Amino acid sequence: MTQAILTQILNQLETLELKELQQLNQKIQQYLMDKEEADKQALFHQSLLDAGLVKQIKRPSSQPITERRLIEIEGKPISETIIEERR
């Protein structure tokens, strides 16, 4: 951020009311916590890569998880069949 933009933001702080300053403070605190958490996670992932424990870090899918359809079966429940086969 350039110094001019920072100065402009600081000057605008003087025009805000107390409630607006509190809202701004909450947003900044949340942003800082999120940023710190992301930095910790990135450092952890890099440590895993450097140690050779993993070859790559896969990012979670951005697609929403779809609801899975249950399959109807006839006969005994699968759990009973598994228990019987283990005996």
N, C-alpha and C. Protein backbone atom coordinates (compact mmCIF):
# COMPACT_ATOMS: atom_id res chain seq x y z
N MET A 1 0.86 -1.16 0.00
CA MET A 1 0.00 0.00 0.00
C MET A 1 0.90 1.23 0.00
N THR A 2 0.58 2.14 -0.84
CA THR A 2 1.40 3.34 -0.89
C THR A 2 1.10 4.23 0.31
N GLN A 3 2.04 5.08 0.64
CA GLN A 3 1.89 5.97 1.78
C GLN A 3 0.72 6.92 1.59
N ALA A 4 0.45 7.33 0.35
CA ALA A 4 -0.65 8.25 0.09
C ALA A 4 -2.00 7.61 0.42
N ILE A 5 -2.17 6.35 0.06
CA ILE A 5 -3.43 5.66 0.35
C ILE A 5 -3.58 5.48 1.86
N LEU A 6 -2.51 5.10 2.53
CA LEU A 6 -2.57 4.93 3.98
C LEU A 6 -2.92 6.25 4.67
N THR A 7 -2.32 7.33 4.23
CA THR A 7 -2.62 8.64 4.80
C THR A 7 -4.07 9.01 4.57
N GLN A 8 -4.59 8.72 3.39
CA GLN A 8 -5.98 9.00 3.07
C GLN A 8 -6.92 8.21 3.99
N ILE A 9 -6.62 6.94 4.20
CA ILE A 9 -7.45 6.11 5.08
C ILE A 9 -7.41 6.64 6.51
N LEU A 10 -6.22 6.99 6.98
CA LEU A 10 -6.09 7.52 8.34
C LEU A 10 -6.85 8.83 8.51
N ASN A 11 -6.84 9.66 7.49
CA ASN A 11 -7.60 10.92 7.54
C ASN A 11 -9.10 10.66 7.59
N GLN A 12 -9.56 9.64 6.89
CA GLN A 12 -10.98 9.32 6.88
C GLN A 12 -11.44 8.75 8.22
N LEU A 13 -10.53 8.19 8.99
CA LEU A 13 -10.89 7.67 10.31
C LEU A 13 -11.47 8.76 11.20
N GLU A 14 -10.98 9.97 11.05
CA GLU A 14 -11.43 11.08 11.88
C GLU A 14 -12.89 11.43 11.61
N THR A 15 -13.41 11.07 10.46
CA THR A 15 -14.79 11.41 10.12
C THR A 15 -15.79 10.34 10.57
N LEU A 16 -15.30 9.20 11.02
CA LEU A 16 -16.19 8.10 11.40
C LEU A 16 -16.73 8.29 12.81
N GLU A 17 -17.95 7.81 13.01
CA GLU A 17 -18.55 7.83 14.34
C GLU A 17 -18.07 6.62 15.12
N LEU A 18 -18.35 6.61 16.41
CA LEU A 18 -17.87 5.55 17.29
C LEU A 18 -18.34 4.17 16.83
N LYS A 19 -19.60 4.04 16.48
CA LYS A 19 -20.14 2.75 16.05
C LYS A 19 -19.45 2.27 14.76
N GLU A 20 -19.20 3.19 13.85
CA GLU A 20 -18.52 2.85 12.60
C GLU A 20 -17.07 2.43 12.88
N LEU A 21 -16.42 3.11 13.82
CA LEU A 21 -15.06 2.74 14.19
C LEU A 21 -15.02 1.34 14.81
N GLN A 22 -16.03 1.01 15.61
CA GLN A 22 -16.09 -0.32 16.22
C GLN A 22 -16.29 -1.39 15.15
N GLN A 23 -17.16 -1.11 14.17
CA GLN A 23 -17.37 -2.05 13.07
C GLN A 23 -16.08 -2.24 12.28
N LEU A 24 -15.40 -1.15 12.01
CA LEU A 24 -14.14 -1.21 11.27
C LEU A 24 -13.10 -2.02 12.06
N ASN A 25 -13.05 -1.79 13.35
CA ASN A 25 -12.12 -2.53 14.20
C ASN A 25 -12.41 -4.03 14.16
N GLN A 26 -13.68 -4.41 14.22
CA GLN A 26 -14.04 -5.82 14.15
C GLN A 26 -13.61 -6.44 12.83
N LYS A 27 -13.84 -5.72 11.74
CA LYS A 27 -13.45 -6.23 10.42
C LYS A 27 -11.94 -6.39 10.32
N ILE A 28 -11.21 -5.41 10.82
CA ILE A 28 -9.75 -5.48 10.76
C ILE A 28 -9.24 -6.64 11.60
N GLN A 29 -9.79 -6.82 12.80
CA GLN A 29 -9.37 -7.92 13.67
C GLN A 29 -9.64 -9.27 13.01
N GLN A 30 -10.82 -9.41 12.39
CA GLN A 30 -11.16 -10.66 11.71
C GLN A 30 -10.21 -10.91 10.53
N TYR A 31 -9.93 -9.85 9.79
CA TYR A 31 -9.01 -9.97 8.65
C TYR A 31 -7.62 -10.41 9.13
N LEU A 32 -7.14 -9.82 10.22
CA LEU A 32 -5.83 -10.16 10.74
C LEU A 32 -5.78 -11.61 11.23
N MET A 33 -6.84 -12.06 11.89
CA MET A 33 -6.88 -13.45 12.35
C MET A 33 -6.88 -14.41 11.17
N ASP A 34 -7.68 -14.10 10.14
CA ASP A 34 -7.74 -14.95 8.95
C ASP A 34 -6.38 -14.99 8.25
N LYS A 35 -5.75 -13.83 8.14
CA LYS A 35 -4.44 -13.73 7.48
C LYS A 35 -3.39 -14.52 8.26
N GLU A 36 -3.42 -14.40 9.59
CA GLU A 36 -2.46 -15.12 10.42
C GLU A 36 -2.66 -16.63 10.29
N GLU A 37 -3.92 -17.06 10.27
CA GLU A 37 -4.22 -18.49 10.13
C GLU A 37 -3.75 -19.01 8.77
N ALA A 38 -3.98 -18.23 7.72
CA ALA A 38 -3.55 -18.64 6.38
C ALA A 38 -2.02 -18.72 6.31
N ASP A 39 -1.34 -17.78 6.95
CA ASP A 39 0.13 -17.81 6.96
C ASP A 39 0.65 -19.03 7.71
N LYS A 40 0.02 -19.36 8.85
CA LYS A 40 0.43 -20.54 9.62
C LYS A 40 0.24 -21.81 8.79
N GLN A 41 -0.89 -21.88 8.10
CA GLN A 41 -1.18 -23.07 7.29
C GLN A 41 -0.18 -23.19 6.14
N ALA A 42 0.13 -22.08 5.50
CA ALA A 42 1.10 -22.11 4.40
C ALA A 42 2.48 -22.53 4.91
N LEU A 43 2.87 -22.05 6.08
CA LEU A 43 4.16 -22.43 6.66
C LEU A 43 4.18 -23.92 6.99
N PHE A 44 3.08 -24.43 7.53
CA PHE A 44 2.97 -25.85 7.85
C PHE A 44 3.08 -26.70 6.58
N HIS A 45 2.35 -26.30 5.54
CA HIS A 45 2.40 -27.03 4.28
C HIS A 45 3.81 -27.02 3.69
N GLN A 46 4.47 -25.87 3.76
CA GLN A 46 5.83 -25.78 3.23
C GLN A 46 6.78 -26.67 4.04
N SER A 47 6.56 -26.75 5.34
CA SER A 47 7.39 -27.62 6.19
C SER A 47 7.22 -29.08 5.80
N LEU A 48 5.98 -29.48 5.52
CA LEU A 48 5.72 -30.85 5.08
C LEU A 48 6.43 -31.15 3.76
N LEU A 49 6.37 -30.20 2.84
CA LEU A 49 7.03 -30.37 1.54
C LEU A 49 8.55 -30.44 1.72
N ASP A 50 9.10 -29.54 2.52
CA ASP A 50 10.56 -29.50 2.73
C ASP A 50 11.07 -30.77 3.39
N ALA A 51 10.27 -31.33 4.29
CA ALA A 51 10.69 -32.54 5.01
C ALA A 51 10.51 -33.79 4.15
N GLY A 52 9.86 -33.64 3.01
CA GLY A 52 9.64 -34.78 2.13
C GLY A 52 8.52 -35.69 2.59
N LEU A 53 7.70 -35.21 3.51
CA LEU A 53 6.58 -36.03 3.99
C LEU A 53 5.44 -36.08 2.99
N VAL A 54 5.33 -35.06 2.17
CA VAL A 54 4.33 -35.04 1.10
C VAL A 54 4.99 -34.49 -0.16
N LYS A 55 4.43 -34.86 -1.30
CA LYS A 55 4.97 -34.38 -2.57
C LYS A 55 4.24 -33.14 -3.06
N GLN A 56 2.97 -33.03 -2.70
CA GLN A 56 2.19 -31.86 -3.10
C GLN A 56 1.06 -31.65 -2.11
N ILE A 57 0.59 -30.42 -2.05
CA ILE A 57 -0.55 -30.07 -1.20
C ILE A 57 -1.73 -29.80 -2.13
N LYS A 58 -2.76 -30.61 -1.98
CA LYS A 58 -3.95 -30.41 -2.81
C LYS A 58 -4.90 -29.45 -2.11
N ARG A 59 -5.40 -28.53 -2.85
CA ARG A 59 -6.36 -27.56 -2.32
C ARG A 59 -7.75 -28.19 -2.32
N PRO A 60 -8.58 -27.83 -1.36
CA PRO A 60 -9.94 -28.38 -1.34
C PRO A 60 -10.72 -27.93 -2.57
N SER A 61 -11.63 -28.77 -2.99
CA SER A 61 -12.44 -28.47 -4.16
C SER A 61 -13.35 -27.27 -3.87
N SER A 62 -13.49 -26.41 -4.84
CA SER A 62 -14.36 -25.24 -4.66
C SER A 62 -15.80 -25.56 -5.04
N GLN A 63 -16.02 -26.74 -5.60
CA GLN A 63 -17.37 -27.13 -5.98
C GLN A 63 -18.12 -27.64 -4.76
N PRO A 64 -19.39 -27.29 -4.65
CA PRO A 64 -20.16 -27.75 -3.50
C PRO A 64 -20.35 -29.27 -3.53
N ILE A 65 -20.40 -29.85 -2.35
CA ILE A 65 -20.61 -31.30 -2.24
C ILE A 65 -22.08 -31.59 -2.52
N THR A 66 -22.29 -32.49 -3.47
CA THR A 66 -23.67 -32.83 -3.82
C THR A 66 -24.21 -33.88 -2.87
N GLU A 67 -25.49 -33.88 -2.71
CA GLU A 67 -26.14 -34.86 -1.84
C GLU A 67 -26.06 -36.23 -2.49
N ARG A 68 -25.68 -37.21 -1.72
CA ARG A 68 -25.56 -38.56 -2.25
C ARG A 68 -26.88 -39.29 -2.10
N ARG A 69 -27.20 -40.07 -3.12
CA ARG A 69 -28.44 -40.83 -3.11
C ARG A 69 -28.18 -42.20 -2.50
N LEU A 70 -29.03 -42.61 -1.56
CA LEU A 70 -28.88 -43.91 -0.93
C LEU A 70 -29.32 -45.01 -1.88
N ILE A 71 -28.66 -46.16 -1.77
CA ILE A 71 -28.98 -47.30 -2.63
C ILE A 71 -29.85 -48.26 -1.84
N GLU A 72 -30.96 -48.67 -2.41
CA GLU A 72 -31.86 -49.63 -1.78
C GLU A 72 -31.33 -51.04 -2.05
N ILE A 73 -31.26 -51.87 -0.99
CA ILE A 73 -30.84 -53.26 -1.17
C ILE A 73 -31.86 -54.18 -0.53
N GLU A 74 -31.87 -55.41 -0.99
CA GLU A 74 -32.77 -56.41 -0.42
C GLU A 74 -31.97 -57.32 0.49
N GLY A 75 -32.64 -57.90 1.48
CA GLY A 75 -31.96 -58.84 2.37
C GLY A 75 -31.51 -58.18 3.65
N LYS A 76 -30.56 -58.86 4.29
CA LYS A 76 -30.06 -58.39 5.58
C LYS A 76 -29.23 -57.12 5.40
N PRO A 77 -29.15 -56.33 6.46
CA PRO A 77 -28.27 -55.16 6.40
C PRO A 77 -26.82 -55.59 6.19
N ILE A 78 -26.07 -54.78 5.51
CA ILE A 78 -24.66 -55.07 5.21
C ILE A 78 -23.87 -55.29 6.50
N SER A 79 -24.17 -54.51 7.53
CA SER A 79 -23.42 -54.64 8.78
C SER A 79 -23.58 -56.04 9.37
N GLU A 80 -24.76 -56.61 9.29
CA GLU A 80 -24.96 -57.97 9.80
C GLU A 80 -24.16 -58.98 8.98
N THR A 81 -24.16 -58.82 7.68
CA THR A 81 -23.40 -59.73 6.80
C THR A 81 -21.91 -59.67 7.14
N ILE A 82 -21.38 -58.50 7.35
CA ILE A 82 -19.96 -58.34 7.67
C ILE A 82 -19.64 -59.03 8.99
N ILE A 83 -20.49 -58.84 10.00
CA ILE A 83 -20.26 -59.46 11.30
C ILE A 83 -20.28 -60.98 11.18
N GLU A 84 -21.23 -61.52 10.43
CA GLU A 84 -21.32 -62.97 10.24
C GLU A 84 -20.09 -63.52 9.54
N GLU A 85 -19.59 -62.82 8.54
CA GLU A 85 -18.43 -63.30 7.79
C GLU A 85 -17.16 -63.26 8.62
N ARG A 86 -17.10 -62.40 9.60
CA ARG A 86 -15.90 -62.30 10.44
C ARG A 86 -15.86 -63.40 11.50
N ARG A 87 -16.97 -64.07 11.74
CA ARG A 87 -17.01 -65.12 12.77
C ARG A 87 -16.47 -66.41 12.27
